[in-house]
Every structure is written in structure tokens, then in C-alpha cells.
């Protein structure tokens, strides 16, 4: 696992302004979208449904997605 993305649990709201800190509402998108052709995006690891509904998910749902994709080695850049 890359150190470029700190554990999502470590990102407190007060830390959101810190460089490299993520909050659950931050999208894991890395602009390598493949959901037009794949069920799971090769860049961020989200399903097509998660990508299209991201803005409608609750903070808890976003946190669950983040935890799952981080365990699977996403997001990937290049």
C-alpha cells in the first residue's frame, strides 16, 4: 500500500486542510475513469453505481466505500 494516501481513519475534519489528508466526502477519483467499459473503475476502484451516486451517499456510506477500496489497493494513479 502506498504512503501517498494516509489511512482514512486518520483524517479528522480538523485535518482536512492538511496536505494529503482525505475526508470521507472527498471523492477517490484520480481521473482515470473506466466505468464506461468496466463494472469497477480501474482508477478509483468504485463501481459505476458508486461513481454516479457519490454526491448522494451519506458520510457513513462514503467511509465504507473508502475503506473497501483502500483495502483493495485503490485509488491507483497511472
N, C-alpha and C. Protein backbone atom coordinates (compact mmCIF):
# COMPACT_ATOMS: atom_id res chain seq x y z
N UNK A 1 0.85 -1.18 0.00
CA UNK A 1 0.00 0.00 0.00
C UNK A 1 0.89 1.24 0.00
N UNK A 2 0.51 2.21 -0.78
CA UNK A 2 1.29 3.42 -0.92
C UNK A 2 1.09 4.34 0.28
N UNK A 3 2.16 5.05 0.67
CA UNK A 3 2.06 6.02 1.74
C UNK A 3 1.50 7.34 1.24
N UNK A 4 1.23 7.46 -0.06
CA UNK A 4 0.70 8.69 -0.63
C UNK A 4 -0.71 8.98 -0.12
N UNK A 5 -1.44 7.96 0.34
CA UNK A 5 -2.78 8.14 0.83
C UNK A 5 -2.82 7.68 2.28
N UNK A 6 -2.91 8.63 3.24
CA UNK A 6 -2.96 8.25 4.65
C UNK A 6 -4.24 7.49 4.96
N UNK A 7 -4.24 6.67 6.02
CA UNK A 7 -5.45 5.93 6.37
C UNK A 7 -6.63 6.87 6.54
N UNK A 8 -7.76 6.50 6.02
CA UNK A 8 -8.95 7.35 6.07
C UNK A 8 -9.36 7.62 7.52
N UNK A 9 -9.12 6.67 8.43
CA UNK A 9 -9.47 6.88 9.83
C UNK A 9 -8.67 8.02 10.44
N UNK A 10 -7.47 8.29 9.91
CA UNK A 10 -6.61 9.33 10.47
C UNK A 10 -7.03 10.72 10.02
N UNK A 11 -7.89 10.82 9.04
CA UNK A 11 -8.29 12.12 8.52
C UNK A 11 -9.48 12.66 9.30
N UNK A 12 -9.20 13.44 10.31
CA UNK A 12 -10.23 14.10 11.10
C UNK A 12 -10.66 15.37 10.38
N UNK A 13 -11.86 15.87 10.62
CA UNK A 13 -12.28 17.10 9.98
C UNK A 13 -11.30 18.25 10.18
N UNK A 14 -10.69 18.34 11.35
CA UNK A 14 -9.72 19.40 11.59
C UNK A 14 -8.49 19.24 10.72
N UNK A 15 -8.19 18.01 10.29
CA UNK A 15 -7.02 17.74 9.47
C UNK A 15 -7.31 17.90 7.98
N UNK A 16 -8.53 18.20 7.62
CA UNK A 16 -8.92 18.23 6.22
C UNK A 16 -8.12 19.23 5.40
N UNK A 17 -7.57 20.25 6.05
CA UNK A 17 -6.79 21.23 5.32
C UNK A 17 -5.33 20.81 5.18
N UNK A 18 -4.93 19.76 5.87
CA UNK A 18 -3.56 19.27 5.79
C UNK A 18 -3.30 18.67 4.41
N UNK A 19 -2.10 18.86 3.92
CA UNK A 19 -1.75 18.29 2.61
C UNK A 19 -1.86 16.78 2.65
N UNK A 20 -2.58 16.21 1.68
CA UNK A 20 -2.69 14.76 1.57
C UNK A 20 -3.75 14.13 2.45
N UNK A 21 -4.45 14.92 3.27
CA UNK A 21 -5.48 14.36 4.15
C UNK A 21 -6.79 14.24 3.38
N UNK A 22 -7.47 13.13 3.57
CA UNK A 22 -8.75 12.90 2.93
C UNK A 22 -9.84 12.84 3.98
N UNK A 23 -11.01 13.30 3.63
CA UNK A 23 -12.19 13.11 4.46
C UNK A 23 -13.10 12.18 3.68
N UNK A 24 -14.04 11.51 4.34
CA UNK A 24 -14.90 10.57 3.63
C UNK A 24 -15.66 11.20 2.46
N UNK A 25 -15.96 12.49 2.53
CA UNK A 25 -16.72 13.10 1.45
C UNK A 25 -15.85 13.41 0.23
N UNK A 26 -14.52 13.37 0.39
CA UNK A 26 -13.65 13.55 -0.76
C UNK A 26 -13.82 12.38 -1.72
N UNK A 27 -13.93 12.68 -2.98
CA UNK A 27 -14.06 11.63 -3.98
C UNK A 27 -12.70 10.97 -4.20
N UNK A 28 -12.67 9.65 -4.31
CA UNK A 28 -11.41 8.96 -4.58
C UNK A 28 -11.00 9.01 -6.05
N UNK A 29 -11.73 9.76 -6.86
CA UNK A 29 -11.45 9.83 -8.29
C UNK A 29 -10.02 10.31 -8.55
N UNK A 30 -9.33 9.62 -9.46
CA UNK A 30 -7.98 10.02 -9.86
C UNK A 30 -7.93 10.31 -11.36
N UNK A 31 -9.10 10.57 -11.95
CA UNK A 31 -9.23 10.95 -13.36
C UNK A 31 -8.71 9.89 -14.32
N UNK A 32 -8.84 8.62 -13.93
CA UNK A 32 -8.52 7.50 -14.81
C UNK A 32 -9.79 6.65 -14.85
N UNK A 33 -10.83 7.20 -15.42
CA UNK A 33 -12.14 6.55 -15.39
C UNK A 33 -12.25 5.44 -16.43
N UNK A 34 -12.79 4.33 -15.98
CA UNK A 34 -13.01 3.22 -16.90
C UNK A 34 -14.41 2.64 -16.74
N UNK A 35 -15.30 3.38 -16.05
CA UNK A 35 -16.62 2.84 -15.76
C UNK A 35 -17.53 2.78 -16.99
N UNK A 36 -17.13 3.38 -18.09
CA UNK A 36 -17.90 3.20 -19.32
C UNK A 36 -17.71 1.80 -19.88
N UNK A 37 -16.59 1.18 -19.54
CA UNK A 37 -16.25 -0.13 -20.09
C UNK A 37 -16.15 -1.23 -19.04
N UNK A 38 -15.97 -0.85 -17.79
CA UNK A 38 -15.76 -1.80 -16.69
C UNK A 38 -16.81 -1.59 -15.60
N UNK A 39 -17.15 -2.67 -14.91
CA UNK A 39 -18.07 -2.56 -13.77
C UNK A 39 -17.41 -1.84 -12.60
N UNK A 40 -16.09 -2.04 -12.43
CA UNK A 40 -15.32 -1.39 -11.38
C UNK A 40 -14.26 -0.51 -12.04
N UNK A 41 -14.18 0.74 -11.63
CA UNK A 41 -13.22 1.68 -12.21
C UNK A 41 -11.80 1.24 -11.91
N UNK A 42 -10.95 1.25 -12.91
CA UNK A 42 -9.55 0.85 -12.74
C UNK A 42 -8.73 1.91 -12.02
N UNK A 43 -9.24 3.12 -11.96
CA UNK A 43 -8.53 4.20 -11.28
C UNK A 43 -8.84 4.29 -9.80
N UNK A 44 -10.15 4.37 -9.48
CA UNK A 44 -10.52 4.60 -8.08
C UNK A 44 -11.07 3.36 -7.37
N UNK A 45 -11.47 2.34 -8.12
CA UNK A 45 -11.97 1.11 -7.51
C UNK A 45 -13.43 1.11 -7.16
N UNK A 46 -14.14 2.21 -7.47
CA UNK A 46 -15.57 2.25 -7.19
C UNK A 46 -16.36 1.60 -8.32
N UNK A 47 -17.55 1.11 -7.98
CA UNK A 47 -18.44 0.59 -9.00
C UNK A 47 -19.03 1.77 -9.77
N UNK A 48 -19.60 1.48 -10.94
CA UNK A 48 -20.24 2.53 -11.73
C UNK A 48 -21.35 3.20 -10.92
N UNK A 49 -22.09 2.43 -10.15
CA UNK A 49 -23.17 2.98 -9.31
C UNK A 49 -22.61 3.90 -8.24
N UNK A 50 -21.49 3.52 -7.62
CA UNK A 50 -20.88 4.37 -6.58
C UNK A 50 -20.36 5.67 -7.18
N UNK A 51 -19.79 5.59 -8.37
CA UNK A 51 -19.28 6.80 -9.03
C UNK A 51 -20.44 7.75 -9.32
N UNK A 52 -21.49 7.23 -9.95
CA UNK A 52 -22.59 8.09 -10.36
C UNK A 52 -23.43 8.61 -9.20
N UNK A 53 -23.42 7.91 -8.08
CA UNK A 53 -24.23 8.33 -6.93
C UNK A 53 -23.41 8.93 -5.79
N UNK A 54 -22.13 9.17 -5.98
CA UNK A 54 -21.24 9.63 -4.90
C UNK A 54 -21.81 10.83 -4.14
N UNK A 55 -22.32 11.82 -4.86
CA UNK A 55 -22.82 13.03 -4.20
C UNK A 55 -24.07 12.77 -3.36
N UNK A 56 -24.73 11.65 -3.59
CA UNK A 56 -25.95 11.32 -2.85
C UNK A 56 -25.69 10.38 -1.67
N UNK A 57 -24.48 9.81 -1.56
CA UNK A 57 -24.17 8.88 -0.47
C UNK A 57 -23.99 9.64 0.83
N UNK A 58 -24.35 8.99 1.94
CA UNK A 58 -24.14 9.59 3.25
C UNK A 58 -22.64 9.51 3.59
N UNK A 59 -22.24 10.25 4.59
CA UNK A 59 -20.83 10.22 5.01
C UNK A 59 -20.42 8.81 5.42
N UNK A 60 -21.32 8.09 6.09
CA UNK A 60 -21.02 6.72 6.50
C UNK A 60 -20.85 5.81 5.29
N UNK A 61 -21.71 5.95 4.29
CA UNK A 61 -21.59 5.15 3.07
C UNK A 61 -20.28 5.45 2.33
N UNK A 62 -19.92 6.73 2.28
CA UNK A 62 -18.65 7.11 1.63
C UNK A 62 -17.47 6.52 2.39
N UNK A 63 -17.53 6.57 3.71
CA UNK A 63 -16.45 6.00 4.53
C UNK A 63 -16.31 4.50 4.26
N UNK A 64 -17.43 3.79 4.13
CA UNK A 64 -17.40 2.36 3.84
C UNK A 64 -16.77 2.09 2.47
N UNK A 65 -17.11 2.90 1.48
CA UNK A 65 -16.52 2.75 0.15
C UNK A 65 -15.01 2.99 0.23
N UNK A 66 -14.63 4.08 0.91
CA UNK A 66 -13.20 4.38 1.06
C UNK A 66 -12.46 3.21 1.71
N UNK A 67 -13.00 2.66 2.77
CA UNK A 67 -12.33 1.56 3.46
C UNK A 67 -12.18 0.36 2.53
N UNK A 68 -13.23 0.01 1.79
CA UNK A 68 -13.16 -1.12 0.88
C UNK A 68 -12.13 -0.90 -0.23
N UNK A 69 -12.16 0.26 -0.87
CA UNK A 69 -11.23 0.46 -1.99
C UNK A 69 -9.79 0.58 -1.51
N UNK A 70 -9.56 1.12 -0.31
CA UNK A 70 -8.20 1.20 0.23
C UNK A 70 -7.66 -0.20 0.52
N UNK A 71 -8.51 -1.09 1.04
CA UNK A 71 -8.09 -2.46 1.31
C UNK A 71 -7.76 -3.19 0.01
N UNK A 72 -8.39 -2.77 -1.09
CA UNK A 72 -8.16 -3.40 -2.39
C UNK A 72 -7.03 -2.73 -3.18
N UNK A 73 -6.36 -1.75 -2.57
CA UNK A 73 -5.22 -1.12 -3.21
C UNK A 73 -5.54 0.07 -4.10
N UNK A 74 -6.72 0.62 -3.95
CA UNK A 74 -7.11 1.81 -4.70
C UNK A 74 -7.03 3.02 -3.79
N UNK A 75 -7.06 4.23 -4.31
CA UNK A 75 -7.03 4.60 -5.71
C UNK A 75 -5.65 4.42 -6.32
N UNK A 76 -5.62 4.15 -7.62
CA UNK A 76 -4.37 3.92 -8.36
C UNK A 76 -4.15 5.08 -9.31
N UNK A 77 -2.93 5.49 -9.40
CA UNK A 77 -2.58 6.57 -10.34
C UNK A 77 -1.63 6.00 -11.39
N UNK A 78 -2.06 6.13 -12.64
CA UNK A 78 -1.21 5.74 -13.77
C UNK A 78 -0.85 4.35 -13.91
